[in-house]
Amino acid sequence: MRITLFTVDEANELLPQIRARLERIVMQKREFDRLEARMAILLVATAGAASDNPDAIELASLTEKRRRLGEVLGAGVQELHDKGAMVKDLDKGLVDFYALAGDRLIFLCWHLGEAEVSHWHALDSGFRGRQPLKEAGLE
């Protein structure tokens, strides 16, 4: 895996591309989760059912649809990773960017709904360890 280092300005310049793609991926992830929930019900309903059972037919169709959607999701996440953005949580639309604070490797942290990158956290602290850029002198 290649690590791309970003300044706050560079991460913010990339956000319009990231935001548009991430919004689509988050919507696709919601659809993927919806399919999985329906499939879980159908798995129970079709236990021992013949292959021509309407629920079994629906399950087969949803299984294929989920497979294709999973490929699309994987490709979308890889596209963002190729730009240097690390997708951390598709449910929250959370993305991190590698950056340096002095000689320390950190993540600049952003999620859908935020206008710009305004927080950071240590590599091992995650979203709960987010701190405003101002407090670290990173703005």
C-alpha atoms as a PDB file:
ATOM      1  CA  MET A   1       0.000   0.000   0.000  1.00  0.00           C
ATOM      2  CA  ARG A   2       1.295   3.413  -0.975  1.00  0.00           C
ATOM      3  CA  ILE A   3       0.923   6.212   1.591  1.00  0.00           C
ATOM      4  CA  THR A   4       0.261   9.705   0.298  1.00  0.00           C
ATOM      5  CA  LEU A   5       0.892  12.535   2.737  1.00  0.00           C
ATOM      6  CA  PHE A   6      -1.464  15.511   2.674  1.00  0.00           C
ATOM      7  CA  THR A   7      -1.407  18.993   4.058  1.00  0.00           C
ATOM      8  CA  VAL A   8      -4.734  20.302   5.318  1.00  0.00           C
ATOM      9  CA  ASP A   9      -5.044  22.453   2.170  1.00  0.00           C
ATOM     10  CA  GLU A  10      -4.311  19.496  -0.122  1.00  0.00           C
ATOM     11  CA  ALA A  11      -6.907  17.329   1.637  1.00  0.00           C
ATOM     12  CA  ASN A  12      -9.487  20.112   1.401  1.00  0.00           C
ATOM     13  CA  GLU A  13      -8.733  20.593  -2.314  1.00  0.00           C
ATOM     14  CA  LEU A  14      -9.495  16.913  -2.883  1.00  0.00           C
ATOM     15  CA  LEU A  15     -12.776  16.965  -0.942  1.00  0.00           C
ATOM     16  CA  PRO A  16     -15.100  17.847  -3.864  1.00  0.00           C
ATOM     17  CA  GLN A  17     -13.989  14.674  -5.682  1.00  0.00           C
ATOM     18  CA  ILE A  18     -14.040  12.607  -2.507  1.00  0.00           C
ATOM     19  CA  ARG A  19     -17.417  13.937  -1.346  1.00  0.00           C
ATOM     20  CA  ALA A  20     -19.265  13.154  -4.576  1.00  0.00           C
ATOM     21  CA  ARG A  21     -17.857   9.631  -4.818  1.00  0.00           C
ATOM     22  CA  LEU A  22     -18.293   8.898  -1.118  1.00  0.00           C
ATOM     23  CA  GLU A  23     -21.945   9.986  -1.176  1.00  0.00           C
ATOM     24  CA  ARG A  24     -22.608   7.437  -3.925  1.00  0.00           C
ATOM     25  CA  ILE A  25     -20.706   4.713  -2.095  1.00  0.00           C
ATOM     26  CA  VAL A  26     -22.574   5.366   1.163  1.00  0.00           C
ATOM     27  CA  MET A  27     -25.908   5.071  -0.679  1.00  0.00           C
ATOM     28  CA  GLN A  28     -24.733   1.837  -2.304  1.00  0.00           C
ATOM     29  CA  LYS A  29     -23.660   0.506   1.108  1.00  0.00           C
ATOM     30  CA  ARG A  30     -27.144   1.207   2.474  1.00  0.00           C
ATOM     31  CA  GLU A  31     -28.634  -0.751  -0.413  1.00  0.00           C
ATOM     32  CA  PHE A  32     -26.128  -3.570   0.215  1.00  0.00           C
ATOM     33  CA  ASP A  33     -27.190  -3.688   3.886  1.00  0.00           C
ATOM     34  CA  ARG A  34     -30.870  -3.681   2.904  1.00  0.00           C
ATOM     35  CA  LEU A  35     -30.255  -6.616   0.560  1.00  0.00           C
ATOM     36  CA  GLU A  36     -28.430  -8.522   3.281  1.00  0.00           C
ATOM     37  CA  ALA A  37     -31.288  -7.988   5.740  1.00  0.00           C
ATOM     38  CA  ARG A  38     -33.846  -9.263   3.231  1.00  0.00           C
ATOM     39  CA  MET A  39     -31.618 -12.206   2.339  1.00  0.00           C
ATOM     40  CA  ALA A  40     -31.334 -13.194   6.015  1.00  0.00           C
ATOM     41  CA  ILE A  41     -35.121 -13.432   6.187  1.00  0.00           C
ATOM     42  CA  LEU A  42     -35.311 -15.368   2.943  1.00  0.00           C
ATOM     43  CA  LEU A  43     -32.635 -17.830   4.094  1.00  0.00           C
ATOM     44  CA  VAL A  44     -34.879 -18.830   6.982  1.00  0.00           C
ATOM     45  CA  ALA A  45     -38.009 -18.827   4.837  1.00  0.00           C
ATOM     46  CA  THR A  46     -36.465 -21.019   2.155  1.00  0.00           C
ATOM     47  CA  ALA A  47     -34.893 -23.678   4.358  1.00  0.00           C
ATOM     48  CA  GLY A  48     -35.781 -26.915   2.593  1.00  0.00           C
ATOM     49  CA  ALA A  49     -37.744 -25.105  -0.154  1.00  0.00           C
ATOM     50  CA  ALA A  50     -37.618 -26.202  -3.769  1.00  0.00           C
ATOM     51  CA  SER A  51     -35.616 -24.088  -6.196  1.00  0.00           C
ATOM     52  CA  ASP A  52     -38.832 -22.967  -7.949  1.00  0.00           C
ATOM     53  CA  ASN A  53     -40.258 -21.556  -4.704  1.00  0.00           C
ATOM     54  CA  PRO A  54     -40.884 -17.793  -5.162  1.00  0.00           C
ATOM     55  CA  ASP A  55     -38.835 -16.963  -2.048  1.00  0.00           C
ATOM     56  CA  ALA A  56     -35.977 -19.178  -3.264  1.00  0.00           C
ATOM     57  CA  ILE A  57     -36.071 -17.435  -6.638  1.00  0.00           C
ATOM     58  CA  GLU A  58     -36.004 -14.026  -4.939  1.00  0.00           C
ATOM     59  CA  LEU A  59     -33.093 -15.157  -2.740  1.00  0.00           C
ATOM     60  CA  ALA A  60     -31.094 -16.268  -5.778  1.00  0.00           C
ATOM     61  CA  SER A  61     -31.784 -12.954  -7.493  1.00  0.00           C
ATOM     62  CA  LEU A  62     -30.812 -10.915  -4.431  1.00  0.00           C
ATOM     63  CA  THR A  63     -27.658 -12.980  -3.949  1.00  0.00           C
ATOM     64  CA  GLU A  64     -26.487 -12.081  -7.433  1.00  0.00           C
ATOM     65  CA  LYS A  65     -27.505  -8.436  -7.019  1.00  0.00           C
ATOM     66  CA  ARG A  66     -25.570  -8.267  -3.730  1.00  0.00           C
ATOM     67  CA  ARG A  67     -22.506  -9.824  -5.373  1.00  0.00           C
ATOM     68  CA  ARG A  68     -22.512  -7.224  -8.159  1.00  0.00           C
ATOM     69  CA  LEU A  69     -23.104  -4.380  -5.710  1.00  0.00           C
ATOM     70  CA  GLY A  70     -20.249  -5.640  -3.541  1.00  0.00           C
ATOM     71  CA  GLU A  71     -17.937  -5.426  -6.546  1.00  0.00           C
ATOM     72  CA  VAL A  72     -19.091  -1.864  -7.243  1.00  0.00           C
ATOM     73  CA  LEU A  73     -18.544  -0.920  -3.593  1.00  0.00           C
ATOM     74  CA  GLY A  74     -15.080  -2.438  -3.577  1.00  0.00           C
ATOM     75  CA  ALA A  75     -14.125  -0.587  -6.746  1.00  0.00           C
ATOM     76  CA  GLY A  76     -15.454   2.702  -5.350  1.00  0.00           C
ATOM     77  CA  VAL A  77     -13.499   2.347  -2.122  1.00  0.00           C
ATOM     78  CA  GLN A  78     -10.378   1.404  -4.079  1.00  0.00           C
ATOM     79  CA  GLU A  79     -10.814   4.514  -6.236  1.00  0.00           C
ATOM     80  CA  LEU A  80     -10.771   6.689  -3.112  1.00  0.00           C
ATOM     81  CA  HIS A  81      -7.786   4.811  -1.708  1.00  0.00           C
ATOM     82  CA  ASP A  82      -5.984   5.387  -5.010  1.00  0.00           C
ATOM     83  CA  LYS A  83      -6.467   9.128  -4.463  1.00  0.00           C
ATOM     84  CA  GLY A  84      -4.815   8.794  -1.055  1.00  0.00           C
ATOM     85  CA  ALA A  85      -8.003   8.948   1.027  1.00  0.00           C
ATOM     86  CA  MET A  86      -8.484   6.114   3.512  1.00  0.00           C
ATOM     87  CA  VAL A  87     -12.138   5.099   3.809  1.00  0.00           C
ATOM     88  CA  LYS A  88     -12.675   4.182   7.456  1.00  0.00           C
ATOM     89  CA  ASP A  89     -16.448   3.841   7.860  1.00  0.00           C
ATOM     90  CA  LEU A  90     -18.990   3.615   5.058  1.00  0.00           C
ATOM     91  CA  ASP A  91     -21.948   3.980   7.400  1.00  0.00           C
ATOM     92  CA  LYS A  92     -20.686   7.356   8.652  1.00  0.00           C
ATOM     93  CA  GLY A  93     -18.961   8.393   5.424  1.00  0.00           C
ATOM     94  CA  LEU A  94     -15.682   8.687   7.320  1.00  0.00           C
ATOM     95  CA  VAL A  95     -12.376   9.295   5.526  1.00  0.00           C
ATOM     96  CA  ASP A  96      -8.854   9.882   6.833  1.00  0.00           C
ATOM     97  CA  PHE A  97      -5.828  11.383   5.103  1.00  0.00           C
ATOM     98  CA  TYR A  98      -2.267  10.656   6.177  1.00  0.00           C
ATOM     99  CA  ALA A  99      -0.403  13.787   7.261  1.00  0.00           C
ATOM    100  CA  LEU A 100       2.585  14.880   9.290  1.00  0.00           C
ATOM    101  CA  ALA A 101       2.424  16.909  12.479  1.00  0.00           C
ATOM    102  CA  GLY A 102       6.081  17.764  12.947  1.00  0.00           C
ATOM    103  CA  ASP A 103       7.718  14.351  12.626  1.00  0.00           C
ATOM    104  CA  ARG A 104       4.620  12.442  13.783  1.00  0.00           C
ATOM    105  CA  LEU A 105       2.415  10.563  11.294  1.00  0.00           C
ATOM    106  CA  ILE A 106      -1.265  11.357  11.943  1.00  0.00           C
ATOM    107  CA  PHE A 107      -4.627  11.213  10.211  1.00  0.00           C
ATOM    108  CA  LEU A 108      -6.529  14.269   9.064  1.00  0.00           C
ATOM    109  CA  CYS A 109     -10.126  13.241   9.712  1.00  0.00           C
ATOM    110  CA  TRP A 110     -13.228  14.192   7.705  1.00  0.00           C
ATOM    111  CA  HIS A 111     -16.722  12.817   7.228  1.00  0.00           C
ATOM    112  CA  LEU A 112     -19.729  13.570   5.093  1.00  0.00           C
ATOM    113  CA  GLY A 113     -21.564  16.597   6.360  1.00  0.00           C
ATOM    114  CA  GLU A 114     -18.441  18.516   7.254  1.00  0.00           C
ATOM    115  CA  ALA A 115     -17.542  21.453   5.031  1.00  0.00           C
ATOM    116  CA  GLU A 116     -13.801  20.847   5.267  1.00  0.00           C
ATOM    117  CA  VAL A 117     -11.130  18.904   7.092  1.00  0.00           C
ATOM    118  CA  SER A 118     -11.113  20.407  10.568  1.00  0.00           C
ATOM    119  CA  HIS A 119      -9.983  17.542  12.811  1.00  0.00           C
ATOM    120  CA  TRP A 120      -7.116  15.124  13.220  1.00  0.00           C
ATOM    121  CA  HIS A 121      -6.310  12.058  15.320  1.00  0.00           C
ATOM    122  CA  ALA A 122      -3.411   9.759  16.074  1.00  0.00           C
ATOM    123  CA  LEU A 123      -3.123   6.642  13.927  1.00  0.00           C
ATOM    124  CA  ASP A 124      -4.145   4.435  16.847  1.00  0.00           C
ATOM    125  CA  SER A 125      -6.908   6.568  18.373  1.00  0.00           C
ATOM    126  CA  GLY A 126      -9.592   6.508  15.700  1.00  0.00           C
ATOM    127  CA  PHE A 127     -12.652   8.713  15.380  1.00  0.00           C
ATOM    128  CA  ARG A 128     -13.132   8.986  19.151  1.00  0.00           C
ATOM    129  CA  GLY A 129      -9.706  10.577  19.433  1.00  0.00           C
ATOM    130  CA  ARG A 130     -10.534  13.399  17.020  1.00  0.00           C
ATOM    131  CA  GLN A 131      -9.209  16.804  17.957  1.00  0.00           C
ATOM    132  CA  PRO A 132      -9.690  20.159  16.268  1.00  0.00           C
ATOM    133  CA  LEU A 133      -6.832  21.175  13.967  1.00  0.00           C
ATOM    134  CA  LYS A 134      -6.559  24.520  15.767  1.00  0.00           C
ATOM    135  CA  GLU A 135      -5.606  22.850  19.052  1.00  0.00           C
ATOM    136  CA  ALA A 136      -2.669  21.107  17.382  1.00  0.00           C
ATOM    137  CA  GLY A 137      -1.611  24.093  15.282  1.00  0.00           C
ATOM    138  CA  LEU A 138      -2.288  22.136  12.083  1.00  0.00           C
ATOM    139  CA  GLU A 139      -4.632  24.519  10.325  1.00  0.00           C
END
